Amino acid sequence: MRIDKTHQSWAVVSAIILGVAILLYFPYAVLYPGGPSGNTWPGLIYGIIGYAMMLFAGLMGARKRVPLWRVGRAQVWMRGHLWLGALSLPILLLHSAFTARGPLTILLMTLLVITVLSGITGALLQHFLPKRLTASVQLETIYEQIPEVREQLLSEAGGIVEALCAVPEAESAVVAAGAAFGAGGPAADEDAGPELTDDQRANLQQVYKHEIFPFLLNPEKSGSPLADVVRSKAFFEALRRQSPVSIHEALGDLESICEEERQLIEQRRKYLLLHGWLLVHVPLSITLLVLGGIHALVAIHY
C-alpha cells in the first residue's frame, strides 16, 4: 500500500506526541502524590490536549461545510483529522489514568472508542473500496445521476420492445386488404419490420411486462433473475431461442440495458457502504464533543 508524504508527516508527528506523552506519564504515575487521575494538574493537561485533538477533528467537518473556513489544503486537514482523531484515544486514556469513574466518564469512553473505530473503518473503506468499485463497475455513473440514468434505461427498453412488437404497416395493409378482398390481397413487404408472429409478439410482451420492466422499475427488489449475471445470461439465451434471428441484435440491446442496471445496483451498494459509516461517526462525534465539553467544565469548576 502506497502511503503519501502527508500521511507520513502526520504519522511521525503523532508518534512523537504519543511517545512524549507516555514518557512523561511514567514519572507522573510514580511520583505524583495520590497517584494519577483526571483531577490532577497533569491529568487535566492530558485531558485538554486530548479534547483539543477532538476539536481539531470536528473542525475538519466544519471546514467542508463552511466555504469561508477553507484554510489550508484539504488533504492536510483530512490526514490530520485521521491521525489526531485516533491519537485522542490514548491521550484521553492517560488523562483518565485508564479508569472510568462515574456514568458520564463511562459513556464518554464508550463513545470515544466507537467514534475512533468508526473513523478508522471509514478511512480503510475510502482507501480500498473505490479501487474495487472501479474494477467491478466499468460503466460508473455520478451517484446523484443514478435515478435519471435508470429512467433513461427504462425508457430505452420500452422503446425497443414497442418497436419489436409493433405490427408493420405493410402487414396491417395486408390484413385490411384481406378483410376487404379476401385471402388474395397484396403480398407484405418482407423488409417492412421484424419477422415476428402474433405468438412471438405476445411472448415478448409478456416477458417484458413480467420480468424486464419490473426489474428496471424496481431493481433493488430481490428475486428477479435479471439481477444475477449468470441467470440473466440464461434468461436472454432462452429468449433468443424463442425469437427469430432478425431481432437478436435488439435483444442484445435489452440484455446490455439490464447489465448496466446491475452495475448501477453494485455502484449504489458500494457507495452506501463507502459513506454509510458517517451515519454512525458524525452523530457520535458531535455528541462526544458536546459531552466532552460539559465534562471539562464540570471538572474544572469542581
Protein backbone atom coordinates (compact mmCIF):
# COMPACT_ATOMS: atom_id res chain seq x y z
CA MET A 1 0.00 0.00 0.00
CA ARG A 2 1.44 3.34 -1.05
CA ILE A 3 1.50 5.99 1.69
CA ASP A 4 1.68 9.64 0.63
CA LYS A 5 4.01 12.17 2.23
CA THR A 6 1.20 13.91 4.11
CA HIS A 7 0.29 10.62 5.78
CA GLN A 8 3.92 10.04 6.67
CA SER A 9 4.29 13.52 8.15
CA TRP A 10 1.20 13.18 10.32
CA ALA A 11 2.25 9.67 11.36
CA VAL A 12 5.64 10.97 12.52
CA VAL A 13 4.07 13.92 14.40
CA SER A 14 1.51 11.62 16.06
CA ALA A 15 4.19 9.11 17.06
CA ILE A 16 6.30 11.86 18.62
CA ILE A 17 3.34 13.28 20.56
CA LEU A 18 2.33 9.84 21.82
CA GLY A 19 5.91 8.92 22.71
CA VAL A 20 6.42 12.13 24.72
CA ALA A 21 3.04 11.69 26.44
CA ILE A 22 3.89 8.13 27.51
CA LEU A 23 7.40 9.06 28.68
CA LEU A 24 6.02 11.87 30.84
CA TYR A 25 3.26 9.66 32.19
CA PHE A 26 5.60 7.20 33.93
CA PRO A 27 7.21 9.67 36.38
CA TYR A 28 3.81 11.33 36.85
CA ALA A 29 2.19 7.99 37.75
CA VAL A 30 5.00 7.03 40.12
CA LEU A 31 5.84 10.31 41.83
CA TYR A 32 2.63 12.34 41.91
CA PRO A 33 1.02 12.39 45.40
CA GLY A 34 -2.09 10.27 45.46
CA GLY A 35 -1.34 8.74 42.09
CA PRO A 36 -2.57 9.70 38.63
CA SER A 37 -6.17 10.73 37.97
CA GLY A 38 -8.14 13.05 35.78
CA ASN A 39 -8.44 15.61 38.58
CA THR A 40 -4.69 16.31 38.92
CA TRP A 41 -2.97 19.09 37.01
CA PRO A 42 -1.02 16.66 34.80
CA GLY A 43 -4.25 14.73 34.24
CA LEU A 44 -6.07 17.92 33.28
CA ILE A 45 -3.30 18.79 30.82
CA TYR A 46 -3.68 15.37 29.17
CA GLY A 47 -7.44 15.96 29.05
CA ILE A 48 -7.08 19.41 27.48
CA ILE A 49 -4.69 18.07 24.83
CA GLY A 50 -6.96 15.11 24.05
CA TYR A 51 -10.05 17.32 23.80
CA ALA A 52 -8.15 19.78 21.59
CA MET A 53 -7.40 16.89 19.23
CA MET A 54 -11.10 16.02 19.15
CA LEU A 55 -11.96 19.64 18.38
CA PHE A 56 -9.45 19.67 15.53
CA ALA A 57 -11.12 16.59 14.07
CA GLY A 58 -14.52 18.30 14.45
CA LEU A 59 -13.29 21.46 12.74
CA MET A 60 -12.40 19.37 9.69
CA GLY A 61 -16.11 18.62 9.21
CA ALA A 62 -16.99 22.30 9.68
CA ARG A 63 -14.31 23.27 7.15
CA LYS A 64 -16.02 21.10 4.50
CA ARG A 65 -19.40 22.76 5.09
CA VAL A 66 -18.46 26.42 5.61
CA PRO A 67 -16.78 27.92 2.50
CA LEU A 68 -15.26 30.77 4.50
CA TRP A 69 -13.29 28.27 6.57
CA ARG A 70 -11.35 26.85 3.64
CA VAL A 71 -7.97 27.39 5.35
CA GLY A 72 -5.07 25.16 4.29
CA ARG A 73 -5.05 22.19 1.96
CA ALA A 74 -7.91 19.73 2.29
CA GLN A 75 -5.54 16.76 2.18
CA VAL A 76 -3.58 18.08 5.18
CA TRP A 77 -6.78 18.50 7.18
CA MET A 78 -8.05 15.07 6.23
CA ARG A 79 -4.83 13.34 7.28
CA GLY A 80 -4.69 15.38 10.47
CA HIS A 81 -8.32 14.51 11.20
CA LEU A 82 -7.49 10.83 10.92
CA TRP A 83 -4.23 10.77 12.88
CA LEU A 84 -5.05 13.25 15.66
CA GLY A 85 -8.57 11.87 15.99
CA ALA A 86 -7.12 8.39 16.57
CA LEU A 87 -4.40 9.80 18.85
CA SER A 88 -7.01 11.42 21.10
CA LEU A 89 -7.98 7.95 22.39
CA PRO A 90 -4.63 7.03 24.05
CA ILE A 91 -4.11 10.61 25.25
CA LEU A 92 -7.51 10.64 26.97
CA LEU A 93 -6.80 7.21 28.44
CA LEU A 94 -3.70 8.74 30.01
CA HIS A 95 -5.87 11.63 31.20
CA SER A 96 -8.23 9.24 33.00
CA ALA A 97 -5.37 7.03 34.28
CA PHE A 98 -7.06 4.12 32.46
CA THR A 99 -10.07 4.21 34.76
CA ALA A 100 -13.66 5.33 34.28
CA ARG A 101 -15.32 6.83 37.34
CA GLY A 102 -18.99 7.60 37.10
CA PRO A 103 -21.66 7.14 34.41
CA LEU A 104 -20.62 10.19 32.34
CA THR A 105 -16.99 9.07 32.17
CA ILE A 106 -18.02 5.55 31.17
CA LEU A 107 -20.32 6.98 28.49
CA LEU A 108 -17.58 9.29 27.19
CA MET A 109 -15.05 6.48 26.95
CA THR A 110 -17.54 4.22 25.16
CA LEU A 111 -18.42 6.96 22.69
CA LEU A 112 -14.73 7.76 22.14
CA VAL A 113 -13.81 4.15 21.35
CA ILE A 114 -16.75 3.72 18.94
CA THR A 115 -16.06 7.06 17.26
CA VAL A 116 -12.37 6.32 16.73
CA LEU A 117 -13.05 2.79 15.47
CA SER A 118 -15.76 4.01 13.09
CA GLY A 119 -13.39 6.69 11.78
CA ILE A 120 -10.62 4.16 11.15
CA THR A 121 -13.11 1.83 9.46
CA GLY A 122 -14.30 4.67 7.23
CA ALA A 123 -10.72 5.59 6.30
CA LEU A 124 -9.98 1.99 5.29
CA LEU A 125 -13.20 1.79 3.24
CA GLN A 126 -12.43 5.03 1.42
CA HIS A 127 -8.92 3.81 0.63
CA PHE A 128 -9.74 0.35 -0.69
CA LEU A 129 -13.37 0.44 -1.87
CA PRO A 130 -13.02 2.97 -4.74
CA LYS A 131 -10.43 0.70 -6.39
CA ARG A 132 -12.79 -2.29 -6.18
CA LEU A 133 -15.65 -0.14 -7.46
CA THR A 134 -13.62 0.90 -10.49
CA ALA A 135 -12.62 -2.72 -11.15
CA SER A 136 -16.15 -4.16 -10.89
CA VAL A 137 -18.18 -1.29 -12.37
CA GLN A 138 -16.96 -0.35 -15.84
CA LEU A 139 -19.93 1.95 -16.56
CA GLU A 140 -19.52 4.14 -13.47
CA THR A 141 -22.08 6.93 -13.14
CA ILE A 142 -22.19 10.01 -10.91
CA TYR A 143 -24.15 8.82 -7.88
CA GLU A 144 -26.61 11.72 -7.88
CA GLN A 145 -27.48 10.98 -11.54
CA ILE A 146 -28.36 7.31 -10.98
CA PRO A 147 -32.17 7.94 -10.81
CA GLU A 148 -32.04 9.82 -14.13
CA VAL A 149 -29.96 7.08 -15.76
CA ARG A 150 -32.43 4.46 -14.54
CA GLU A 151 -35.35 6.36 -16.07
CA GLN A 152 -33.45 6.56 -19.33
CA LEU A 153 -32.72 2.81 -19.32
CA LEU A 154 -36.38 2.04 -18.65
CA SER A 155 -37.44 4.33 -21.49
CA GLU A 156 -34.93 2.76 -23.90
CA ALA A 157 -36.03 -0.77 -23.05
CA GLY A 158 -39.69 0.16 -23.50
CA GLY A 159 -38.92 1.75 -26.86
CA ILE A 160 -37.08 -1.36 -28.07
CA VAL A 161 -39.91 -3.71 -27.11
CA GLU A 162 -42.53 -1.38 -28.56
CA ALA A 163 -40.65 -1.25 -31.87
CA LEU A 164 -40.25 -5.04 -31.98
CA CYS A 165 -43.88 -5.72 -31.19
CA ALA A 166 -45.36 -3.11 -33.50
CA VAL A 167 -47.30 -4.56 -36.43
CA PRO A 168 -45.56 -3.42 -39.66
CA GLU A 169 -47.61 -1.10 -41.85
CA ALA A 170 -47.36 -3.46 -44.81
CA GLU A 171 -48.74 -6.27 -42.68
CA SER A 172 -51.55 -4.01 -41.50
CA ALA A 173 -52.33 -3.22 -45.13
CA VAL A 174 -52.45 -6.94 -45.94
CA VAL A 175 -54.84 -7.54 -43.06
CA ALA A 176 -57.05 -4.66 -44.20
CA ALA A 177 -56.94 -5.78 -47.82
CA GLY A 178 -57.65 -9.36 -46.84
CA ALA A 179 -60.66 -8.21 -44.93
CA ALA A 180 -61.93 -6.27 -47.96
CA PHE A 181 -60.97 -8.59 -50.86
CA GLY A 182 -60.48 -12.00 -49.25
CA ALA A 183 -57.29 -14.02 -48.88
CA GLY A 184 -55.90 -12.96 -52.26
CA GLY A 185 -54.81 -9.47 -51.15
CA PRO A 186 -51.42 -7.86 -51.91
CA ALA A 187 -48.27 -9.54 -50.53
CA ALA A 188 -46.48 -7.99 -47.50
CA ASP A 189 -43.06 -6.36 -47.88
CA GLU A 190 -40.52 -8.73 -46.33
CA ASP A 191 -38.34 -5.81 -45.18
CA ALA A 192 -41.19 -3.90 -43.53
CA GLY A 193 -40.29 -4.86 -39.95
CA PRO A 194 -39.28 -7.68 -37.54
CA GLU A 195 -40.45 -11.08 -38.65
CA LEU A 196 -42.50 -11.87 -35.55
CA THR A 197 -45.62 -13.97 -35.44
CA ASP A 198 -48.51 -12.97 -33.22
CA ASP A 199 -47.46 -15.60 -30.67
CA GLN A 200 -43.88 -14.31 -30.64
CA ARG A 201 -45.06 -10.74 -30.14
CA ALA A 202 -47.32 -11.84 -27.30
CA ASN A 203 -44.49 -13.83 -25.71
CA LEU A 204 -42.05 -10.88 -25.89
CA GLN A 205 -44.65 -8.53 -24.44
CA GLN A 206 -45.31 -10.93 -21.56
CA VAL A 207 -41.57 -11.34 -20.88
CA TYR A 208 -41.11 -7.59 -20.84
CA LYS A 209 -44.17 -6.99 -18.66
CA HIS A 210 -43.41 -9.65 -16.04
CA GLU A 211 -39.58 -9.74 -15.98
CA ILE A 212 -37.70 -6.90 -17.70
CA PHE A 213 -39.98 -3.99 -16.82
CA PRO A 214 -40.33 -4.88 -13.08
CA PHE A 215 -36.55 -5.30 -12.80
CA LEU A 216 -35.79 -1.93 -14.39
CA LEU A 217 -38.60 -0.21 -12.48
CA ASN A 218 -37.58 -1.55 -9.06
CA PRO A 219 -34.07 -3.04 -9.39
CA GLU A 220 -33.49 -3.21 -5.62
CA LYS A 221 -36.31 -5.75 -5.21
CA SER A 222 -34.88 -9.23 -4.78
CA GLY A 223 -35.90 -12.32 -6.73
CA SER A 224 -35.50 -11.18 -10.32
CA PRO A 225 -33.34 -13.49 -12.48
CA LEU A 226 -32.03 -10.37 -14.23
CA ALA A 227 -30.31 -9.24 -11.03
CA ASP A 228 -27.81 -12.11 -11.34
CA VAL A 229 -25.28 -12.23 -14.20
CA VAL A 230 -25.47 -15.99 -14.79
CA ARG A 231 -29.27 -16.22 -14.55
CA SER A 232 -29.67 -13.16 -16.76
CA LYS A 233 -27.46 -14.67 -19.44
CA ALA A 234 -29.52 -17.89 -19.40
CA PHE A 235 -32.72 -15.82 -19.49
CA PHE A 236 -31.75 -13.97 -22.66
CA GLU A 237 -30.34 -17.12 -24.31
CA ALA A 238 -33.72 -18.77 -23.84
CA LEU A 239 -35.45 -15.67 -25.21
CA ARG A 240 -33.23 -15.72 -28.32
CA ARG A 241 -34.10 -19.36 -28.97
CA GLN A 242 -37.77 -18.42 -28.96
CA SER A 243 -37.24 -15.48 -31.34
CA PRO A 244 -36.17 -15.07 -34.99
CA VAL A 245 -32.56 -14.16 -35.75
CA SER A 246 -33.67 -10.79 -37.12
CA ILE A 247 -34.36 -9.44 -33.60
CA HIS A 248 -31.34 -10.96 -31.80
CA GLU A 249 -29.44 -7.67 -32.01
CA ALA A 250 -32.34 -5.84 -30.37
CA LEU A 251 -32.49 -8.50 -27.66
CA GLY A 252 -28.76 -7.94 -27.15
CA ASP A 253 -29.53 -4.27 -26.54
CA LEU A 254 -32.08 -5.24 -23.90
CA GLU A 255 -29.51 -7.52 -22.28
CA SER A 256 -26.98 -4.66 -22.23
CA ILE A 257 -29.55 -2.39 -20.57
CA CYS A 258 -30.06 -4.99 -17.83
CA GLU A 259 -26.30 -5.32 -17.41
CA GLU A 260 -25.97 -1.55 -16.99
CA GLU A 261 -28.73 -1.64 -14.37
CA ARG A 262 -26.86 -4.35 -12.45
CA GLN A 263 -23.78 -2.15 -12.45
CA LEU A 264 -25.85 0.75 -11.11
CA ILE A 265 -27.08 -1.54 -8.31
CA GLU A 266 -23.50 -2.51 -7.47
CA GLN A 267 -22.33 1.09 -7.58
CA ARG A 268 -25.14 2.22 -5.29
CA ARG A 269 -24.45 -0.54 -2.76
CA LYS A 270 -20.76 0.29 -2.61
CA TYR A 271 -21.48 4.00 -2.40
CA LEU A 272 -23.76 3.42 0.60
CA LEU A 273 -21.10 1.24 2.19
CA LEU A 274 -18.47 3.87 1.44
CA HIS A 275 -20.46 6.66 3.09
CA GLY A 276 -22.81 4.77 5.41
CA TRP A 277 -20.29 4.71 8.26
CA LEU A 278 -20.72 8.50 8.50
CA LEU A 279 -24.24 7.91 9.81
CA VAL A 280 -22.55 6.46 12.91
CA HIS A 281 -19.36 8.51 13.02
CA VAL A 282 -20.72 12.05 12.62
CA PRO A 283 -23.56 11.98 15.22
CA LEU A 284 -21.31 10.23 17.74
CA SER A 285 -18.54 12.77 17.12
CA ILE A 286 -20.90 15.70 17.77
CA THR A 287 -22.30 14.03 20.88
CA LEU A 288 -18.79 13.30 22.11
CA LEU A 289 -17.66 16.90 21.63
CA VAL A 290 -20.71 18.28 23.49
CA LEU A 291 -20.49 15.84 26.40
CA GLY A 292 -16.70 16.19 26.50
CA GLY A 293 -17.07 19.97 26.81
CA ILE A 294 -19.60 19.55 29.64
CA HIS A 295 -17.28 17.07 31.36
CA ALA A 296 -14.34 19.51 31.08
CA LEU A 297 -16.35 22.44 32.50
CA VAL A 298 -17.61 20.36 35.39
CA ALA A 299 -14.12 19.01 36.13
CA ILE A 300 -12.53 22.47 36.11
CA HIS A 301 -15.34 24.05 38.15
CA TYR A 302 -15.37 21.37 40.84
